[in-house]
Protein backbone atom coordinates (compact mmCIF):
# COMPACT_ATOMS: atom_id res chain seq x y z
CA UNK A 1 -70.24 103.83 -42.37
CA UNK A 2 -69.10 103.09 -45.91
CA UNK A 3 -65.83 104.51 -47.18
CA UNK A 4 -66.80 107.80 -48.79
CA UNK A 5 -64.48 109.68 -51.08
CA UNK A 6 -64.72 113.02 -52.78
CA UNK A 7 -62.51 114.49 -55.44
CA UNK A 8 -60.64 117.26 -53.67
CA UNK A 9 -57.12 118.60 -53.28
CA UNK A 10 -55.88 117.64 -49.78
CA UNK A 11 -54.95 120.74 -47.78
CA UNK A 12 -51.67 120.48 -45.89
CA UNK A 13 -51.55 123.88 -44.16
CA UNK A 14 -52.72 127.48 -44.10
CA UNK A 15 -49.49 129.31 -44.88
CA UNK A 16 -50.66 132.91 -44.90
CA UNK A 17 -53.53 135.30 -44.68
CA UNK A 18 -54.65 138.72 -43.69
CA UNK A 19 -56.92 141.62 -44.46
CA UNK A 20 -57.21 143.60 -47.70
CA UNK A 21 -59.32 146.44 -49.06
CA UNK A 22 -59.50 148.26 -45.74
CA UNK A 23 -60.79 145.16 -43.96
CA UNK A 24 -63.54 144.43 -46.46
CA UNK A 25 -61.96 141.09 -47.42
CA UNK A 26 -60.02 138.38 -45.63
CA UNK A 27 -57.50 136.42 -47.67
CA UNK A 28 -55.85 133.13 -46.88
CA UNK A 29 -53.32 130.97 -48.67
CA UNK A 30 -53.72 127.20 -48.56
CA UNK A 31 -50.86 124.81 -49.21
CA UNK A 32 -51.69 121.40 -50.65
CA UNK A 33 -50.02 118.01 -50.27
CA UNK A 34 -48.14 118.55 -53.53
CA UNK A 35 -46.80 121.81 -51.97
CA UNK A 36 -48.68 123.99 -54.46
CA UNK A 37 -50.49 126.99 -53.00
CA UNK A 38 -53.71 128.84 -53.71
CA UNK A 39 -54.86 132.17 -52.29
CA UNK A 40 -58.57 132.83 -51.81
CA UNK A 41 -60.43 135.83 -50.46
CA UNK A 42 -63.84 136.18 -48.85
CA UNK A 43 -65.87 139.21 -47.83
CA UNK A 44 -65.49 140.09 -44.17
CA UNK A 45 -69.23 139.61 -43.62
CA UNK A 46 -68.94 135.96 -44.74
CA UNK A 47 -66.16 135.05 -42.30
CA UNK A 48 -68.26 134.17 -39.23
CA UNK A 49 -70.34 131.75 -41.31
CA UNK A 50 -67.30 130.32 -43.09
CA UNK A 51 -65.42 129.67 -39.85
CA UNK A 52 -68.50 128.31 -38.05
CA UNK A 53 -69.26 125.96 -40.95
CA UNK A 54 -65.69 124.65 -41.05
CA UNK A 55 -65.80 124.01 -37.30
CA UNK A 56 -69.16 122.27 -37.66
CA UNK A 57 -67.74 120.04 -40.43
CA UNK A 58 -64.78 119.24 -38.18
CA UNK A 59 -67.24 118.32 -35.42
CA UNK A 60 -69.01 115.98 -37.83
CA UNK A 61 -65.66 114.38 -38.67
CA UNK A 62 -64.89 114.02 -34.95
CA UNK A 63 -68.19 112.17 -34.46
CA UNK A 64 -67.43 109.87 -37.42
CA UNK A 65 -63.95 109.17 -36.06
CA UNK A 66 -65.35 108.31 -32.63
CA UNK A 67 -67.93 105.95 -34.19
CA UNK A 68 -65.26 104.29 -36.34
CA UNK A 69 -63.13 103.64 -33.24
CA UNK A 70 -66.10 102.19 -31.37
CA UNK A 71 -66.27 105.11 -28.97
CA UNK A 72 -69.32 107.12 -28.02
CA UNK A 73 -70.63 109.51 -30.64
CA UNK A 74 -71.49 112.57 -28.61
CA UNK A 75 -72.70 115.97 -29.64
CA UNK A 76 -69.75 118.11 -30.55
CA UNK A 77 -69.73 121.87 -30.22
CA UNK A 78 -67.67 123.84 -32.71
CA UNK A 79 -66.00 125.92 -30.00
CA UNK A 80 -64.55 124.60 -26.75
CA UNK A 81 -64.20 127.31 -24.16
CA UNK A 82 -60.99 127.27 -22.15
CA UNK A 83 -61.55 130.43 -20.10
CA UNK A 84 -63.68 133.52 -19.66
CA UNK A 85 -61.65 136.51 -20.84
CA UNK A 86 -64.10 139.34 -20.21
CA UNK A 87 -67.71 140.42 -19.95
CA UNK A 88 -69.17 143.77 -20.92
CA UNK A 89 -72.35 145.70 -21.64
CA UNK A 90 -73.37 148.52 -23.90
CA UNK A 91 -73.89 151.92 -22.29
CA UNK A 92 -77.60 151.80 -23.12
CA UNK A 93 -77.99 148.34 -21.54
CA UNK A 94 -79.29 146.85 -24.78
CA UNK A 95 -76.59 144.19 -25.03
CA UNK A 96 -74.30 142.18 -22.80
CA UNK A 97 -71.29 140.37 -24.15
CA UNK A 98 -68.60 137.85 -23.39
CA UNK A 99 -65.18 137.16 -24.78
CA UNK A 100 -64.30 133.50 -24.36
CA UNK A 101 -60.93 131.86 -24.87
CA UNK A 102 -61.19 128.75 -27.03
CA UNK A 103 -59.16 125.61 -27.58
CA UNK A 104 -58.88 126.61 -31.24
CA UNK A 105 -56.91 129.70 -30.35
CA UNK A 106 -59.13 132.53 -31.51
CA UNK A 107 -61.34 134.14 -28.89
CA UNK A 108 -65.08 133.92 -29.39
CA UNK A 109 -66.97 137.19 -28.90
CA UNK A 110 -70.71 136.95 -28.38
CA UNK A 111 -73.32 139.58 -27.61
CA UNK A 112 -76.96 139.16 -26.71
CA UNK A 113 -79.90 140.98 -25.21
CA UNK A 114 -80.33 140.89 -21.43
CA UNK A 115 -83.35 138.61 -21.96
CA UNK A 116 -81.28 136.16 -24.01
CA UNK A 117 -78.51 136.26 -21.38
CA UNK A 118 -81.02 135.41 -18.64
CA UNK A 119 -82.31 132.51 -20.75
CA UNK A 120 -78.75 131.22 -21.33
CA UNK A 121 -77.98 131.47 -17.60
CA UNK A 122 -81.15 129.51 -16.81
CA UNK A 123 -80.33 126.82 -19.37
CA UNK A 124 -76.77 126.45 -18.08
CA UNK A 125 -77.97 126.26 -14.47
CA UNK A 126 -80.42 123.55 -15.53
CA UNK A 127 -77.64 121.52 -17.19
CA UNK A 128 -75.40 121.91 -14.12
CA UNK A 129 -78.26 120.75 -11.89
CA UNK A 130 -78.77 117.66 -14.09
CA UNK A 131 -75.06 116.89 -13.67
CA UNK A 132 -75.30 117.34 -9.90
CA UNK A 133 -72.59 119.99 -10.04
CA UNK A 134 -72.37 122.41 -7.14
CA UNK A 135 -70.06 125.43 -6.99
CA UNK A 136 -67.25 125.48 -4.49
CA UNK A 137 -67.90 127.71 -1.45
CA UNK A 138 -66.98 131.26 -2.35
CA UNK A 139 -67.49 130.76 -6.11
CA UNK A 140 -70.10 132.95 -7.69
């Protein structure tokens, strides 16, 4: 891959952030290599897409880094689950949900219909079968 450059201020750190306007906006302060800082705010509704996109871009960078080092370029998922924190369901049975611990620190909460959950379970079982993985006796 050719050396690609963009004109951008290199971010050094995220030095602050929080919620404003009764939770309607999330703000965050970035610090740049020259130690200057800039505070931005985004509507709460935009945050899942913003975070997911940043993680996807980081996954793209991880693939590029692996290729540059001569390693395998594998599919990278934006979130890496480290543990199952909890599962739950709505009282009406319309949704089931999981809270998953991630390597990035923030838990990932997902909810889906029972039909979608069954489809996910089937897909995961299929992938485990392809890997030849078998649960230990007593595992469910």
